[in-house]
Amino acid sequence: MKKCNVISVLLLFLAGSLSAQQITPFVIASAGDFYSSQNFSVSWTLGELATETIGTEVILTQGFQQPSYSTGTYVPPVSSDQFRLRVYPVPAYNSLTVQVKGNETTDLYLDMYDALGRKLISAKIEAGTPEYEMDLSGIHPGMYFLKVTTAAGESIKTYQIPKALK
């Protein structure tokens, strides 16, 4: 019995000292480019065959899009024949504000959908109401779609709204 205990302790000690094999990413791409302007930036690679990760404290994975800790999406104001809409802040946190001009005689409907097309939130903006604040505290961070329609069912605009943790 004592021999089994010694072997068990020895095996636990050896298992704790072993480490798993690590595969380091490395990128070889046939093409790629980066463009930046005042409102956005775009980068891409084509034909990534292999990757490499460099660094210990600051990690750089070559060829893959690096995470950004302060993200945002620019959504310009929309002008239609009748309505001018502005949705902010983007990304949204606990609430989303919709400003409307041109709805003096028409009610507007707001529907928030998730990526699977499920309707999560519905709201109505009464005619003449210049601003509506939508409560987003009940939904998880992620990408959502806000569809604005008239009372007659005509689609005005669909916005892509990222919800982030604050």
Protein backbone atom coordinates (compact mmCIF):
# COMPACT_ATOMS: atom_id res chain seq x y z
CA MET A 1 0.00 0.00 0.00
CA LYS A 2 2.88 2.32 0.87
CA LYS A 3 4.44 1.57 -2.52
CA CYS A 4 1.20 2.61 -4.30
CA ASN A 5 1.09 5.92 -2.38
CA VAL A 6 4.70 6.70 -3.31
CA ILE A 7 4.05 5.91 -6.97
CA SER A 8 0.86 8.06 -6.93
CA VAL A 9 2.70 11.04 -5.43
CA LEU A 10 5.52 10.60 -7.94
CA LEU A 11 3.07 10.51 -10.87
CA LEU A 12 1.29 13.64 -9.62
CA PHE A 13 4.63 15.43 -9.31
CA LEU A 14 5.63 14.43 -12.85
CA ALA A 15 2.21 15.37 -14.28
CA GLY A 16 2.49 18.83 -12.70
CA SER A 17 5.91 19.42 -14.19
CA LEU A 18 4.93 18.48 -17.74
CA SER A 19 3.63 21.13 -20.11
CA ALA A 20 1.53 20.85 -23.22
CA GLN A 21 2.91 21.41 -26.67
CA GLN A 22 2.34 24.91 -28.02
CA ILE A 23 1.82 25.76 -31.68
CA THR A 24 2.97 29.26 -32.51
CA PRO A 25 0.94 31.01 -35.26
CA PHE A 26 2.88 32.37 -38.29
CA VAL A 27 1.48 34.15 -41.40
CA ILE A 28 2.62 33.95 -44.99
CA ALA A 29 0.25 35.95 -47.18
CA SER A 30 0.29 36.54 -50.92
CA ALA A 31 -1.15 40.05 -50.62
CA GLY A 32 -2.35 42.61 -48.10
CA ASP A 33 -2.82 46.31 -47.49
CA PHE A 34 -3.93 48.92 -44.97
CA TYR A 35 -5.91 52.14 -45.45
CA SER A 36 -6.84 54.74 -42.85
CA SER A 37 -8.88 57.93 -42.97
CA GLN A 38 -10.39 60.26 -40.37
CA ASN A 39 -13.50 58.09 -39.86
CA PHE A 40 -12.31 54.50 -40.34
CA SER A 41 -9.48 52.13 -41.16
CA VAL A 42 -9.36 48.94 -43.22
CA SER A 43 -6.68 46.26 -43.33
CA TRP A 44 -6.62 42.90 -45.08
CA THR A 45 -4.49 39.91 -45.99
CA LEU A 46 -5.03 37.36 -48.70
CA GLY A 47 -3.82 33.77 -48.76
CA GLU A 48 -2.67 33.34 -45.16
CA LEU A 49 -0.82 30.03 -45.17
CA ALA A 50 1.00 30.19 -41.83
CA THR A 51 1.19 32.49 -38.79
CA GLU A 52 3.72 33.50 -36.10
CA THR A 53 3.20 35.08 -32.67
CA ILE A 54 5.94 37.35 -31.30
CA GLY A 55 6.35 38.78 -27.80
CA THR A 56 5.84 37.94 -24.16
CA GLU A 57 4.24 40.97 -22.51
CA VAL A 58 2.89 42.54 -25.70
CA ILE A 59 1.80 39.81 -28.10
CA LEU A 60 1.71 40.39 -31.86
CA THR A 61 0.19 37.73 -34.07
CA GLN A 62 1.43 38.56 -37.54
CA GLY A 63 -1.10 38.46 -40.33
CA PHE A 64 -4.20 38.29 -38.18
CA GLN A 65 -6.34 41.32 -37.43
CA GLN A 66 -5.28 42.54 -33.99
CA PRO A 67 -7.94 43.23 -31.34
CA SER A 68 -8.73 46.86 -30.67
CA TYR A 69 -9.57 47.88 -27.13
CA SER A 70 -11.45 51.01 -28.12
CA THR A 71 -13.78 50.19 -30.97
CA GLY A 72 -16.44 52.21 -32.68
CA THR A 73 -18.54 52.28 -35.79
CA TYR A 74 -19.35 55.52 -37.55
CA VAL A 75 -23.02 55.75 -38.50
CA PRO A 76 -23.69 58.93 -40.47
CA PRO A 77 -27.02 60.72 -40.18
CA VAL A 78 -29.54 59.47 -42.74
CA SER A 79 -31.45 61.85 -44.93
CA SER A 80 -34.47 60.59 -46.78
CA ASP A 81 -37.15 62.53 -48.55
CA GLN A 82 -39.14 62.89 -45.34
CA PHE A 83 -37.06 61.76 -42.33
CA ARG A 84 -33.63 62.66 -40.95
CA LEU A 85 -32.41 60.15 -38.38
CA ARG A 86 -29.43 60.14 -36.05
CA VAL A 87 -28.58 57.14 -33.82
CA TYR A 88 -25.97 57.39 -31.06
CA PRO A 89 -23.79 56.42 -29.19
CA VAL A 90 -22.14 53.79 -31.35
CA PRO A 91 -21.08 51.48 -29.86
CA ALA A 92 -24.04 51.54 -27.48
CA TYR A 93 -23.75 50.67 -23.81
CA ASN A 94 -26.94 50.71 -21.70
CA SER A 95 -29.05 52.94 -23.93
CA LEU A 96 -29.35 54.09 -27.52
CA THR A 97 -30.72 57.49 -28.54
CA VAL A 98 -32.64 57.99 -31.79
CA GLN A 99 -33.16 61.59 -32.96
CA VAL A 100 -35.83 62.13 -35.60
CA LYS A 101 -36.68 65.13 -37.73
CA GLY A 102 -39.53 65.06 -40.20
CA ASN A 103 -41.94 62.82 -38.28
CA GLU A 104 -44.41 65.56 -37.41
CA THR A 105 -47.35 63.58 -38.84
CA THR A 106 -46.11 59.96 -38.86
CA ASP A 107 -45.42 57.48 -36.06
CA LEU A 108 -42.18 55.51 -36.43
CA TYR A 109 -41.43 52.03 -35.13
CA LEU A 110 -38.08 50.80 -33.84
CA ASP A 111 -37.28 47.08 -33.80
CA MET A 112 -34.00 45.69 -32.44
CA TYR A 113 -32.92 42.30 -33.84
CA ASP A 114 -30.05 39.99 -32.92
CA ALA A 115 -27.75 38.32 -35.48
CA LEU A 116 -30.18 35.40 -35.82
CA GLY A 117 -33.05 37.71 -36.78
CA ARG A 118 -34.92 37.43 -33.47
CA LYS A 119 -36.79 40.58 -32.47
CA LEU A 120 -35.58 41.60 -29.01
CA ILE A 121 -36.97 45.11 -28.48
CA SER A 122 -39.85 47.01 -30.08
CA ALA A 123 -40.67 50.66 -29.54
CA LYS A 124 -42.88 53.34 -31.03
CA ILE A 125 -41.90 56.96 -31.60
CA GLU A 126 -45.04 59.08 -31.59
CA ALA A 127 -45.47 61.65 -34.36
CA GLY A 128 -43.74 64.91 -33.45
CA THR A 129 -41.39 63.31 -30.89
CA PRO A 130 -37.89 64.59 -31.67
CA GLU A 131 -35.90 62.07 -29.60
CA TYR A 132 -36.35 58.58 -28.16
CA GLU A 133 -34.04 56.72 -25.76
CA MET A 134 -34.06 52.92 -26.06
CA ASP A 135 -33.05 50.90 -22.97
CA LEU A 136 -30.45 48.24 -23.89
CA SER A 137 -29.55 47.13 -20.37
CA GLY A 138 -31.46 43.85 -20.83
CA ILE A 139 -29.42 42.58 -23.77
CA HIS A 140 -25.89 41.17 -23.83
CA PRO A 141 -22.93 42.79 -25.60
CA GLY A 142 -22.82 41.87 -29.28
CA MET A 143 -23.91 43.01 -32.73
CA TYR A 144 -27.54 44.03 -33.22
CA PHE A 145 -29.67 45.57 -35.97
CA LEU A 146 -32.07 48.47 -35.44
CA LYS A 147 -34.79 48.69 -38.07
CA VAL A 148 -36.79 51.92 -38.38
CA THR A 149 -40.15 51.67 -40.17
CA THR A 150 -43.21 53.84 -40.66
CA ALA A 151 -46.70 53.00 -39.40
CA ALA A 152 -47.47 51.82 -42.94
CA GLY A 153 -44.61 49.28 -42.73
CA GLU A 154 -42.23 51.13 -45.06
CA SER A 155 -38.62 50.56 -44.10
CA ILE A 156 -36.73 53.81 -43.49
CA LYS A 157 -33.30 52.55 -42.44
CA THR A 158 -31.59 49.60 -40.76
CA TYR A 159 -28.61 50.36 -38.53
CA GLN A 160 -25.92 47.94 -37.39
CA ILE A 161 -25.46 48.62 -33.65
CA PRO A 162 -22.63 47.10 -31.64
CA LYS A 163 -23.39 46.89 -27.91
CA ALA A 164 -20.31 46.93 -25.71
CA LEU A 165 -19.47 46.61 -22.04
CA LYS A 166 -18.75 49.92 -20.37
